Amino acid sequence: GPLKPEITITYIAVSAIFFNSGLSLKTEELTSALMHVKLHLFVQIFTLVFFPTAIWLFLQLLSITPINEWLLKGLQTVGCMPPPVSSAVILTKAVGGNEAAAIFNSAFGSFLGIVITPLLLLLFLGSSSSVPFTSIFSQLFMTVVVPLIIGQIVRRYIKDWLERKKPPFGAISSCVLLMIIYTTFCDTFANPNIDLDKFSLIIIVFIIFSVQMSFMFLTFLFSTRNNSGFTPADTVAIIFCSTHKSLTLGIPMLKIVFAGYEHLSLISVPLLIYHPAQILLGSLLVPTIKSWMVSRQKALKLTRQPKAPVKV
């Protein structure tokens, strides 16, 4: 169509999100986030190892149900996806969590996903398609790393203006994200060959929300244990980064790995549902998570204060 999504979405929209991140992120925050190795390991292992394995085990049970098998395969592809480009960052920022860690994990996870996600798709779904790692890597380098670096360079020259005017970076990213979701939905449901029964669709939507809630609760439990070493702000970043999945990287990867599959549109549906669902669920939980984080931070502050000596 006139929007040319193959160019505007694949290149311009993704580049705009990362340029926006580069422009809004303080360099020192990104540098300090690099050092938080334990948090990065937690997020990447959860999202790229635990998540797809848990979904695979769950699908062994669902395979005996009448749910459309291609939608179930689509659920497995959701589990194999890397962390998202920006939704986790936007929600972490809205709560007041560790935004720098969220941004680092989004960028780092995207690059891990270049290699790991196609391998996971081949492992769990058995597609024998050869994956052009070089072309995916170069595309991601041009749409992720280059805009991020350019954003950081531009920030150095207009730093004072940015701090004075405080442009609505979050709103800009959200608008770009909406455009990505809209064009991807149009692309999928415009396919005349898509055969989607209502029963399977309703069940898949229910499963997606249930999986998200369960995994958010799991990451909350793991990251708030006494010996975890994570702050409440870290926990917020962990909850969103570990459970959110990338649509921006996911759809192009599915098109490459499953090129020529007549059921590609059906395989894409769960990811198309998961992405807006994670934003909706995350947005609804922002006030609850924020109040927990603030009260937890206050409680920790009180316990660390030295007690005044008792006068006799």
C-alpha atoms as a PDB file:
ATOM      1  CA  GLY A   1       0.000   0.000   0.000  1.00  0.00           C
ATOM      2  CA  PRO A   2       0.922   3.716   0.040  1.00  0.00           C
ATOM      3  CA  LEU A   3       2.508   3.354   3.506  1.00  0.00           C
ATOM      4  CA  LYS A   4       5.153   1.001   2.041  1.00  0.00           C
ATOM      5  CA  PRO A   5       5.487  -0.970   5.349  1.00  0.00           C
ATOM      6  CA  GLU A   6       8.335  -3.075   3.923  1.00  0.00           C
ATOM      7  CA  ILE A   7      10.429   0.135   4.034  1.00  0.00           C
ATOM      8  CA  THR A   8       8.745   2.415   6.587  1.00  0.00           C
ATOM      9  CA  ILE A   9       8.378  -0.301   9.249  1.00  0.00           C
ATOM     10  CA  THR A  10      11.394  -2.532   8.604  1.00  0.00           C
ATOM     11  CA  TYR A  11      13.858   0.333   8.428  1.00  0.00           C
ATOM     12  CA  ILE A  12      12.474   3.789   9.283  1.00  0.00           C
ATOM     13  CA  ALA A  13      10.202   2.912  12.263  1.00  0.00           C
ATOM     14  CA  VAL A  14      12.738   0.670  14.031  1.00  0.00           C
ATOM     15  CA  SER A  15      15.536   3.182  13.392  1.00  0.00           C
ATOM     16  CA  ALA A  16      13.335   5.975  14.789  1.00  0.00           C
ATOM     17  CA  ILE A  17      12.757   4.045  18.038  1.00  0.00           C
ATOM     18  CA  PHE A  18      16.467   3.453  18.630  1.00  0.00           C
ATOM     19  CA  PHE A  19      17.464   6.986  17.567  1.00  0.00           C
ATOM     20  CA  ASN A  20      14.865   8.184  20.071  1.00  0.00           C
ATOM     21  CA  SER A  21      16.430   5.957  22.762  1.00  0.00           C
ATOM     22  CA  GLY A  22      19.922   7.209  21.928  1.00  0.00           C
ATOM     23  CA  LEU A  23      18.735  10.801  22.151  1.00  0.00           C
ATOM     24  CA  SER A  24      16.888  10.378  25.466  1.00  0.00           C
ATOM     25  CA  LEU A  25      19.313   8.100  27.339  1.00  0.00           C
ATOM     26  CA  LYS A  26      22.110   9.602  29.427  1.00  0.00           C
ATOM     27  CA  THR A  27      25.415   8.000  28.399  1.00  0.00           C
ATOM     28  CA  GLU A  28      26.497   7.508  32.022  1.00  0.00           C
ATOM     29  CA  GLU A  29      23.264   5.588  32.755  1.00  0.00           C
ATOM     30  CA  LEU A  30      23.919   3.184  29.892  1.00  0.00           C
ATOM     31  CA  THR A  31      27.533   2.758  31.037  1.00  0.00           C
ATOM     32  CA  SER A  32      26.479   1.931  34.610  1.00  0.00           C
ATOM     33  CA  ALA A  33      23.828  -0.483  33.299  1.00  0.00           C
ATOM     34  CA  LEU A  34      26.560  -2.411  31.450  1.00  0.00           C
ATOM     35  CA  MET A  35      28.061  -3.415  34.798  1.00  0.00           C
ATOM     36  CA  HIS A  36      24.873  -5.036  36.119  1.00  0.00           C
ATOM     37  CA  VAL A  37      25.811  -8.472  34.740  1.00  0.00           C
ATOM     38  CA  LYS A  38      23.609 -10.480  37.135  1.00  0.00           C
ATOM     39  CA  LEU A  39      20.472  -8.641  35.999  1.00  0.00           C
ATOM     40  CA  HIS A  40      21.325  -9.106  32.305  1.00  0.00           C
ATOM     41  CA  LEU A  41      21.974 -12.828  32.792  1.00  0.00           C
ATOM     42  CA  PHE A  42      18.653 -13.238  34.631  1.00  0.00           C
ATOM     43  CA  VAL A  43      16.667 -11.494  31.867  1.00  0.00           C
ATOM     44  CA  GLN A  44      18.353 -13.207  28.914  1.00  0.00           C
ATOM     45  CA  ILE A  45      18.297 -16.725  30.447  1.00  0.00           C
ATOM     46  CA  PHE A  46      14.644 -16.352  31.453  1.00  0.00           C
ATOM     47  CA  THR A  47      13.480 -15.008  28.100  1.00  0.00           C
ATOM     48  CA  LEU A  48      15.643 -17.149  25.768  1.00  0.00           C
ATOM     49  CA  VAL A  49      15.941 -20.423  27.738  1.00  0.00           C
ATOM     50  CA  PHE A  50      13.227 -20.792  30.392  1.00  0.00           C
ATOM     51  CA  PHE A  51      10.407 -19.125  28.395  1.00  0.00           C
ATOM     52  CA  PRO A  52      10.622 -21.238  25.181  1.00  0.00           C
ATOM     53  CA  THR A  53      11.217 -24.459  27.152  1.00  0.00           C
ATOM     54  CA  ALA A  54       8.215 -23.843  29.441  1.00  0.00           C
ATOM     55  CA  ILE A  55       6.011 -23.063  26.421  1.00  0.00           C
ATOM     56  CA  TRP A  56       7.190 -26.260  24.666  1.00  0.00           C
ATOM     57  CA  LEU A  57       6.266 -28.372  27.718  1.00  0.00           C
ATOM     58  CA  PHE A  58       2.875 -26.618  27.954  1.00  0.00           C
ATOM     59  CA  LEU A  59       2.201 -27.246  24.251  1.00  0.00           C
ATOM     60  CA  GLN A  60       2.713 -30.989  24.728  1.00  0.00           C
ATOM     61  CA  LEU A  61      -0.500 -30.879  26.805  1.00  0.00           C
ATOM     62  CA  LEU A  62      -2.329 -28.556  24.398  1.00  0.00           C
ATOM     63  CA  SER A  63      -1.496 -30.730  21.372  1.00  0.00           C
ATOM     64  CA  ILE A  64      -4.282 -33.165  22.337  1.00  0.00           C
ATOM     65  CA  THR A  65      -6.902 -30.359  22.256  1.00  0.00           C
ATOM     66  CA  PRO A  66      -8.848 -29.256  19.132  1.00  0.00           C
ATOM     67  CA  ILE A  67      -6.955 -25.917  19.022  1.00  0.00           C
ATOM     68  CA  ASN A  68      -5.576 -25.131  15.555  1.00  0.00           C
ATOM     69  CA  GLU A  69      -2.087 -26.702  15.363  1.00  0.00           C
ATOM     70  CA  TRP A  70      -0.620 -23.728  13.456  1.00  0.00           C
ATOM     71  CA  LEU A  71      -1.755 -21.339  16.175  1.00  0.00           C
ATOM     72  CA  LEU A  72      -0.023 -23.618  18.701  1.00  0.00           C
ATOM     73  CA  LYS A  73       3.137 -23.481  16.585  1.00  0.00           C
ATOM     74  CA  GLY A  74       2.699 -19.716  16.649  1.00  0.00           C
ATOM     75  CA  LEU A  75       2.658 -19.822  20.472  1.00  0.00           C
ATOM     76  CA  GLN A  76       6.003 -21.616  20.365  1.00  0.00           C
ATOM     77  CA  THR A  77       7.427 -18.891  18.118  1.00  0.00           C
ATOM     78  CA  VAL A  78       6.366 -16.312  20.738  1.00  0.00           C
ATOM     79  CA  GLY A  79       8.444 -18.169  23.327  1.00  0.00           C
ATOM     80  CA  CYS A  80      11.496 -18.099  21.043  1.00  0.00           C
ATOM     81  CA  MET A  81      11.454 -14.329  20.499  1.00  0.00           C
ATOM     82  CA  PRO A  82      14.007 -11.933  22.081  1.00  0.00           C
ATOM     83  CA  PRO A  83      13.037  -9.030  24.409  1.00  0.00           C
ATOM     84  CA  PRO A  84      11.207  -6.172  22.641  1.00  0.00           C
ATOM     85  CA  VAL A  85      12.690  -3.048  21.151  1.00  0.00           C
ATOM     86  CA  SER A  86      10.809  -0.540  23.266  1.00  0.00           C
ATOM     87  CA  SER A  87       7.608  -1.640  25.053  1.00  0.00           C
ATOM     88  CA  ALA A  88       9.483  -2.924  28.132  1.00  0.00           C
ATOM     89  CA  VAL A  89      11.518   0.301  28.238  1.00  0.00           C
ATOM     90  CA  ILE A  90       8.408   2.501  27.991  1.00  0.00           C
ATOM     91  CA  LEU A  91       6.637   0.623  30.822  1.00  0.00           C
ATOM     92  CA  THR A  92       9.759   0.482  33.036  1.00  0.00           C
ATOM     93  CA  LYS A  93      10.067   4.255  32.611  1.00  0.00           C
ATOM     94  CA  ALA A  94       6.363   4.756  33.417  1.00  0.00           C
ATOM     95  CA  VAL A  95       6.797   2.903  36.732  1.00  0.00           C
ATOM     96  CA  GLY A  96      10.099   4.641  37.544  1.00  0.00           C
ATOM     97  CA  GLY A  97      12.174   1.451  37.447  1.00  0.00           C
ATOM     98  CA  ASN A  98      15.723   0.879  36.190  1.00  0.00           C
ATOM     99  CA  GLU A  99      15.260   2.338  32.699  1.00  0.00           C
ATOM    100  CA  ALA A 100      18.942   2.095  31.713  1.00  0.00           C
ATOM    101  CA  ALA A 101      18.955  -1.660  32.458  1.00  0.00           C
ATOM    102  CA  ALA A 102      15.749  -2.067  30.424  1.00  0.00           C
ATOM    103  CA  ILE A 103      17.272  -0.236  27.447  1.00  0.00           C
ATOM    104  CA  PHE A 104      20.499  -2.241  27.639  1.00  0.00           C
ATOM    105  CA  ASN A 105      18.596  -5.552  27.773  1.00  0.00           C
ATOM    106  CA  SER A 106      16.400  -4.533  24.839  1.00  0.00           C
ATOM    107  CA  ALA A 107      19.453  -3.759  22.692  1.00  0.00           C
ATOM    108  CA  PHE A 108      21.524  -6.706  23.971  1.00  0.00           C
ATOM    109  CA  GLY A 109      18.580  -9.114  23.660  1.00  0.00           C
ATOM    110  CA  SER A 110      17.942  -7.947  20.094  1.00  0.00           C
ATOM    111  CA  PHE A 111      21.471  -8.883  19.082  1.00  0.00           C
ATOM    112  CA  LEU A 112      21.393 -12.199  20.932  1.00  0.00           C
ATOM    113  CA  GLY A 113      18.108 -12.868  19.178  1.00  0.00           C
ATOM    114  CA  ILE A 114      19.720 -12.512  15.746  1.00  0.00           C
ATOM    115  CA  VAL A 115      21.502 -15.824  16.316  1.00  0.00           C
ATOM    116  CA  ILE A 116      19.543 -17.527  19.120  1.00  0.00           C
ATOM    117  CA  THR A 117      15.939 -16.935  17.950  1.00  0.00           C
ATOM    118  CA  PRO A 118      16.319 -18.590  14.497  1.00  0.00           C
ATOM    119  CA  LEU A 119      18.138 -21.507  16.169  1.00  0.00           C
ATOM    120  CA  LEU A 120      15.333 -21.868  18.745  1.00  0.00           C
ATOM    121  CA  LEU A 121      12.732 -21.782  15.950  1.00  0.00           C
ATOM    122  CA  LEU A 122      14.617 -24.515  14.102  1.00  0.00           C
ATOM    123  CA  LEU A 123      15.022 -26.553  17.310  1.00  0.00           C
ATOM    124  CA  PHE A 124      11.398 -26.391  18.521  1.00  0.00           C
ATOM    125  CA  LEU A 125       9.561 -26.234  15.183  1.00  0.00           C
ATOM    126  CA  GLY A 126      11.914 -28.154  12.916  1.00  0.00           C
ATOM    127  CA  SER A 127      11.945 -25.728  10.011  1.00  0.00           C
ATOM    128  CA  SER A 128      14.835 -26.675   7.748  1.00  0.00           C
ATOM    129  CA  SER A 129      15.097 -23.232   6.176  1.00  0.00           C
ATOM    130  CA  SER A 130      18.606 -21.782   6.022  1.00  0.00           C
ATOM    131  CA  VAL A 131      18.724 -18.523   7.959  1.00  0.00           C
ATOM    132  CA  PRO A 132      20.709 -15.658   6.378  1.00  0.00           C
ATOM    133  CA  PHE A 133      22.425 -14.556   9.612  1.00  0.00           C
ATOM    134  CA  THR A 134      24.611 -12.016   7.785  1.00  0.00           C
ATOM    135  CA  SER A 135      21.699 -10.121   6.226  1.00  0.00           C
ATOM    136  CA  ILE A 136      19.692 -10.139   9.496  1.00  0.00           C
ATOM    137  CA  PHE A 137      22.734  -8.982  11.458  1.00  0.00           C
ATOM    138  CA  SER A 138      23.543  -6.190   8.993  1.00  0.00           C
ATOM    139  CA  GLN A 139      19.897  -5.050   8.931  1.00  0.00           C
ATOM    140  CA  LEU A 140      19.759  -4.966  12.740  1.00  0.00           C
ATOM    141  CA  PHE A 141      23.127  -3.225  12.934  1.00  0.00           C
ATOM    142  CA  MET A 142      21.862  -0.490  10.600  1.00  0.00           C
ATOM    143  CA  THR A 143      18.462  -0.145  12.302  1.00  0.00           C
ATOM    144  CA  VAL A 144      19.526  -0.613  15.960  1.00  0.00           C
ATOM    145  CA  VAL A 145      23.190   0.192  16.640  1.00  0.00           C
ATOM    146  CA  VAL A 146      23.747   2.992  14.111  1.00  0.00           C
ATOM    147  CA  PRO A 147      20.626   5.022  15.110  1.00  0.00           C
ATOM    148  CA  LEU A 148      21.456   4.491  18.826  1.00  0.00           C
ATOM    149  CA  ILE A 149      25.016   5.807  18.337  1.00  0.00           C
ATOM    150  CA  ILE A 150      23.809   8.732  16.177  1.00  0.00           C
ATOM    151  CA  GLY A 151      21.241   9.560  18.883  1.00  0.00           C
ATOM    152  CA  GLN A 152      23.984   9.567  21.533  1.00  0.00           C
ATOM    153  CA  ILE A 153      26.219  11.822  19.368  1.00  0.00           C
ATOM    154  CA  VAL A 154      23.382  14.280  18.660  1.00  0.00           C
ATOM    155  CA  ARG A 155      22.538  14.283  22.391  1.00  0.00           C
ATOM    156  CA  ARG A 156      26.051  15.564  23.216  1.00  0.00           C
ATOM    157  CA  TYR A 157      25.429  18.697  21.129  1.00  0.00           C
ATOM    158  CA  ILE A 158      21.861  19.460  22.245  1.00  0.00           C
ATOM    159  CA  LYS A 159      22.055  18.105  25.822  1.00  0.00           C
ATOM    160  CA  ASP A 160      21.139  21.441  27.474  1.00  0.00           C
ATOM    161  CA  TRP A 161      18.190  21.971  25.134  1.00  0.00           C
ATOM    162  CA  LEU A 162      16.899  18.426  25.798  1.00  0.00           C
ATOM    163  CA  GLU A 163      17.094  18.873  29.578  1.00  0.00           C
ATOM    164  CA  ARG A 164      15.382  22.256  29.342  1.00  0.00           C
ATOM    165  CA  LYS A 165      12.577  21.325  26.924  1.00  0.00           C
ATOM    166  CA  LYS A 166      12.146  17.629  27.909  1.00  0.00           C
ATOM    167  CA  PRO A 167      10.658  16.383  24.591  1.00  0.00           C
ATOM    168  CA  PRO A 168       7.985  13.635  24.876  1.00  0.00           C
ATOM    169  CA  PHE A 169      10.264  10.729  23.900  1.00  0.00           C
ATOM    170  CA  GLY A 170       7.915   8.145  25.447  1.00  0.00           C
ATOM    171  CA  ALA A 171       4.930   9.395  23.428  1.00  0.00           C
ATOM    172  CA  ILE A 172       6.984   9.388  20.200  1.00  0.00           C
ATOM    173  CA  SER A 173       8.073   5.760  20.777  1.00  0.00           C
ATOM    174  CA  SER A 174       4.479   4.754  21.586  1.00  0.00           C
ATOM    175  CA  CYS A 175       3.206   6.291  18.314  1.00  0.00           C
ATOM    176  CA  VAL A 176       5.852   4.450  16.281  1.00  0.00           C
ATOM    177  CA  LEU A 177       4.958   1.240  18.124  1.00  0.00           C
ATOM    178  CA  LEU A 178       1.258   1.683  17.272  1.00  0.00           C
ATOM    179  CA  MET A 179       2.174   2.137  13.607  1.00  0.00           C
ATOM    180  CA  ILE A 180       4.182  -1.113  13.663  1.00  0.00           C
ATOM    181  CA  ILE A 181       1.276  -3.033  15.262  1.00  0.00           C
ATOM    182  CA  TYR A 182      -1.281  -1.537  12.842  1.00  0.00           C
ATOM    183  CA  THR A 183       0.640  -2.355   9.652  1.00  0.00           C
ATOM    184  CA  THR A 184       1.510  -5.872  10.849  1.00  0.00           C
ATOM    185  CA  PHE A 185      -2.139  -6.631  11.671  1.00  0.00           C
ATOM    186  CA  CYS A 186      -3.175  -5.337   8.241  1.00  0.00           C
ATOM    187  CA  ASP A 187      -0.524  -7.463   6.538  1.00  0.00           C
ATOM    188  CA  THR A 188      -1.627 -10.631   8.351  1.00  0.00           C
ATOM    189  CA  PHE A 189      -5.402 -10.343   8.146  1.00  0.00           C
ATOM    190  CA  ALA A 190      -5.349  -9.112   4.537  1.00  0.00           C
ATOM    191  CA  ASN A 191      -4.169 -12.612   3.580  1.00  0.00           C
ATOM    192  CA  PRO A 192      -7.133 -14.374   1.878  1.00  0.00           C
ATOM    193  CA  ASN A 193      -5.705 -17.804   2.811  1.00  0.00           C
ATOM    194  CA  ILE A 194      -5.909 -17.233   6.576  1.00  0.00           C
ATOM    195  CA  ASP A 195      -8.301 -19.765   8.102  1.00  0.00           C
ATOM    196  CA  LEU A 196      -8.949 -18.735  11.698  1.00  0.00           C
ATOM    197  CA  ASP A 197     -11.734 -20.346  13.736  1.00  0.00           C
ATOM    198  CA  LYS A 198     -13.177 -18.294  16.612  1.00  0.00           C
ATOM    199  CA  PHE A 199     -12.807 -21.043  19.230  1.00  0.00           C
ATOM    200  CA  SER A 200      -9.051 -21.374  18.677  1.00  0.00           C
ATOM    201  CA  LEU A 201      -8.598 -17.593  18.603  1.00  0.00           C
ATOM    202  CA  ILE A 202     -10.461 -17.047  21.908  1.00  0.00           C
ATOM    203  CA  ILE A 203      -8.511 -19.858  23.612  1.00  0.00           C
ATOM    204  CA  ILE A 204      -5.187 -18.484  22.307  1.00  0.00           C
ATOM    205  CA  VAL A 205      -6.010 -14.992  23.645  1.00  0.00           C
ATOM    206  CA  PHE A 206      -6.860 -16.514  27.049  1.00  0.00           C
ATOM    207  CA  ILE A 207      -3.639 -18.587  27.054  1.00  0.00           C
ATOM    208  CA  ILE A 208      -1.528 -15.548  26.112  1.00  0.00           C
ATOM    209  CA  PHE A 209      -2.865 -13.423  28.994  1.00  0.00           C
ATOM    210  CA  SER A 210      -2.497 -16.381  31.402  1.00  0.00           C
ATOM    211  CA  VAL A 211       1.116 -17.005  30.319  1.00  0.00           C
ATOM    212  CA  GLN A 212       1.983 -13.321  30.700  1.00  0.00           C
ATOM    213  CA  MET A 213       0.461 -13.068  34.178  1.00  0.00           C
ATOM    214  CA  SER A 214       2.118 -16.312  35.320  1.00  0.00           C
ATOM    215  CA  PHE A 215       5.572 -15.347  34.040  1.00  0.00           C
ATOM    216  CA  MET A 216       5.340 -11.811  35.455  1.00  0.00           C
ATOM    217  CA  PHE A 217       4.511 -13.329  38.840  1.00  0.00           C
ATOM    218  CA  LEU A 218       7.384 -15.833  38.533  1.00  0.00           C
ATOM    219  CA  THR A 219       9.953 -13.136  37.703  1.00  0.00           C
ATOM    220  CA  PHE A 220       8.612 -11.044  40.591  1.00  0.00           C
ATOM    221  CA  LEU A 221       9.076 -13.969  43.009  1.00  0.00           C
ATOM    222  CA  PHE A 222      12.587 -14.802  41.764  1.00  0.00           C
ATOM    223  CA  SER A 223      13.846 -11.208  41.774  1.00  0.00           C
ATOM    224  CA  THR A 224      12.459 -10.232  45.202  1.00  0.00           C
ATOM    225  CA  ARG A 225      14.020 -13.057  47.204  1.00  0.00           C
ATOM    226  CA  ASN A 226      16.171 -11.828  50.102  1.00  0.00           C
ATOM    227  CA  ASN A 227      19.417 -13.052  48.542  1.00  0.00           C
ATOM    228  CA  SER A 228      18.621 -11.965  44.961  1.00  0.00           C
ATOM    229  CA  GLY A 229      20.689  -8.771  45.148  1.00  0.00           C
ATOM    230  CA  PHE A 230      18.156  -6.814  43.065  1.00  0.00           C
ATOM    231  CA  THR A 231      16.691  -3.435  44.047  1.00  0.00           C
ATOM    232  CA  PRO A 232      12.936  -2.746  43.628  1.00  0.00           C
ATOM    233  CA  ALA A 233      13.804  -0.644  40.530  1.00  0.00           C
ATOM    234  CA  ASP A 234      15.736  -3.628  39.106  1.00  0.00           C
ATOM    235  CA  THR A 235      12.737  -5.891  39.723  1.00  0.00           C
ATOM    236  CA  VAL A 236      10.525  -3.593  37.619  1.00  0.00           C
ATOM    237  CA  ALA A 237      12.948  -3.818  34.666  1.00  0.00           C
ATOM    238  CA  ILE A 238      13.218  -7.605  35.134  1.00  0.00           C
ATOM    239  CA  ILE A 239       9.424  -8.129  35.158  1.00  0.00           C
ATOM    240  CA  PHE A 240       8.911  -6.292  31.858  1.00  0.00           C
ATOM    241  CA  CYS A 241      12.115  -7.284  30.000  1.00  0.00           C
ATOM    242  CA  SER A 242      11.865 -11.001  30.879  1.00  0.00           C
ATOM    243  CA  THR A 243       8.229 -11.461  29.871  1.00  0.00           C
ATOM    244  CA  HIS A 244       7.867  -9.127  26.874  1.00  0.00           C
ATOM    245  CA  LYS A 245       8.559 -10.343  23.352  1.00  0.00           C
ATOM    246  CA  SER A 246       9.667  -8.462  20.244  1.00  0.00           C
ATOM    247  CA  LEU A 247       7.208  -7.964  17.394  1.00  0.00           C
ATOM    248  CA  THR A 248       9.596  -5.694  15.477  1.00  0.00           C
ATOM    249  CA  LEU A 249      12.241  -8.415  15.172  1.00  0.00           C
ATOM    250  CA  GLY A 250       9.814 -11.326  15.394  1.00  0.00           C
ATOM    251  CA  ILE A 251       7.705 -10.806  12.281  1.00  0.00           C
ATOM    252  CA  PRO A 252      10.672 -10.308   9.877  1.00  0.00           C
ATOM    253  CA  MET A 253      12.374 -13.391  11.379  1.00  0.00           C
ATOM    254  CA  LEU A 254       9.246 -15.523  10.946  1.00  0.00           C
ATOM    255  CA  LYS A 255       9.021 -14.383   7.322  1.00  0.00           C
ATOM    256  CA  ILE A 256      12.626 -15.499   6.759  1.00  0.00           C
ATOM    257  CA  VAL A 257      12.567 -18.798   8.687  1.00  0.00           C
ATOM    258  CA  PHE A 258       9.128 -19.859   7.384  1.00  0.00           C
ATOM    259  CA  ALA A 259       9.414 -18.377   3.886  1.00  0.00           C
ATOM    260  CA  GLY A 260       7.075 -20.216   1.530  1.00  0.00           C
ATOM    261  CA  TYR A 261       4.920 -21.724   4.322  1.00  0.00           C
ATOM    262  CA  GLU A 262       1.230 -21.396   3.415  1.00  0.00           C
ATOM    263  CA  HIS A 263       0.402 -21.205   7.148  1.00  0.00           C
ATOM    264  CA  LEU A 264       2.814 -18.336   7.896  1.00  0.00           C
ATOM    265  CA  SER A 265      -0.097 -15.951   8.602  1.00  0.00           C
ATOM    266  CA  LEU A 266      -1.566 -18.320  11.219  1.00  0.00           C
ATOM    267  CA  ILE A 267       1.853 -18.854  12.817  1.00  0.00           C
ATOM    268  CA  SER A 268       2.184 -15.048  13.124  1.00  0.00           C
ATOM    269  CA  VAL A 269      -1.193 -14.526  14.873  1.00  0.00           C
ATOM    270  CA  PRO A 270      -0.122 -15.393  18.487  1.00  0.00           C
ATOM    271  CA  LEU A 271       2.816 -12.956  18.275  1.00  0.00           C
ATOM    272  CA  LEU A 272       0.497 -10.277  16.873  1.00  0.00           C
ATOM    273  CA  ILE A 273      -1.843 -10.830  19.840  1.00  0.00           C
ATOM    274  CA  TYR A 274       0.961 -11.147  22.413  1.00  0.00           C
ATOM    275  CA  HIS A 275       2.504  -7.780  21.568  1.00  0.00           C
ATOM    276  CA  PRO A 276      -0.522  -5.496  22.162  1.00  0.00           C
ATOM    277  CA  ALA A 277      -1.563  -7.775  25.059  1.00  0.00           C
ATOM    278  CA  GLN A 278       1.771  -7.216  26.846  1.00  0.00           C
ATOM    279  CA  ILE A 279       1.412  -3.437  26.421  1.00  0.00           C
ATOM    280  CA  LEU A 280      -2.219  -3.489  27.635  1.00  0.00           C
ATOM    281  CA  LEU A 281      -1.502  -5.737  30.627  1.00  0.00           C
ATOM    282  CA  GLY A 282       1.664  -3.817  31.494  1.00  0.00           C
ATOM    283  CA  SER A 283      -0.151  -0.465  31.317  1.00  0.00           C
ATOM    284  CA  LEU A 284      -2.939  -1.734  33.594  1.00  0.00           C
ATOM    285  CA  LEU A 285      -0.373  -2.973  36.139  1.00  0.00           C
ATOM    286  CA  VAL A 286       1.768   0.221  36.129  1.00  0.00           C
ATOM    287  CA  PRO A 287      -0.030   1.853  39.128  1.00  0.00           C
ATOM    288  CA  THR A 288       0.089  -1.393  41.176  1.00  0.00           C
ATOM    289  CA  ILE A 289       3.770  -2.070  40.448  1.00  0.00           C
ATOM    290  CA  LYS A 290       4.628   1.600  41.060  1.00  0.00           C
ATOM    291  CA  SER A 291       2.953   1.654  44.492  1.00  0.00           C
ATOM    292  CA  TRP A 292       4.733  -1.613  45.419  1.00  0.00           C
ATOM    293  CA  MET A 293       8.107  -0.224  44.301  1.00  0.00           C
ATOM    294  CA  VAL A 294       7.697   3.069  46.200  1.00  0.00           C
ATOM    295  CA  SER A 295       6.570   1.358  49.422  1.00  0.00           C
ATOM    296  CA  ARG A 296       9.384  -1.207  49.129  1.00  0.00           C
ATOM    297  CA  GLN A 297      11.972   1.530  48.591  1.00  0.00           C
ATOM    298  CA  LYS A 298      10.674   3.407  51.654  1.00  0.00           C
ATOM    299  CA  ALA A 299      10.799   0.233  53.763  1.00  0.00           C
ATOM    300  CA  LEU A 300      14.386  -0.491  52.673  1.00  0.00           C
ATOM    301  CA  LYS A 301      15.381   3.106  53.416  1.00  0.00           C
ATOM    302  CA  LEU A 302      13.976   2.852  56.950  1.00  0.00           C
ATOM    303  CA  THR A 303      15.766  -0.434  57.684  1.00  0.00           C
ATOM    304  CA  ARG A 304      19.090   1.022  56.542  1.00  0.00           C
ATOM    305  CA  GLN A 305      18.833   4.127  58.743  1.00  0.00           C
ATOM    306  CA  PRO A 306      20.937   3.879  61.930  1.00  0.00           C
ATOM    307  CA  LYS A 307      18.814   3.673  65.034  1.00  0.00           C
ATOM    308  CA  ALA A 308      19.075   6.638  67.413  1.00  0.00           C
ATOM    309  CA  PRO A 309      20.696   5.790  70.766  1.00  0.00           C
ATOM    310  CA  VAL A 310      18.222   5.318  73.597  1.00  0.00           C
ATOM    311  CA  LYS A 311      18.566   7.988  76.301  1.00  0.00           C
ATOM    312  CA  VAL A 312      18.620   6.686  79.864  1.00  0.00           C
END
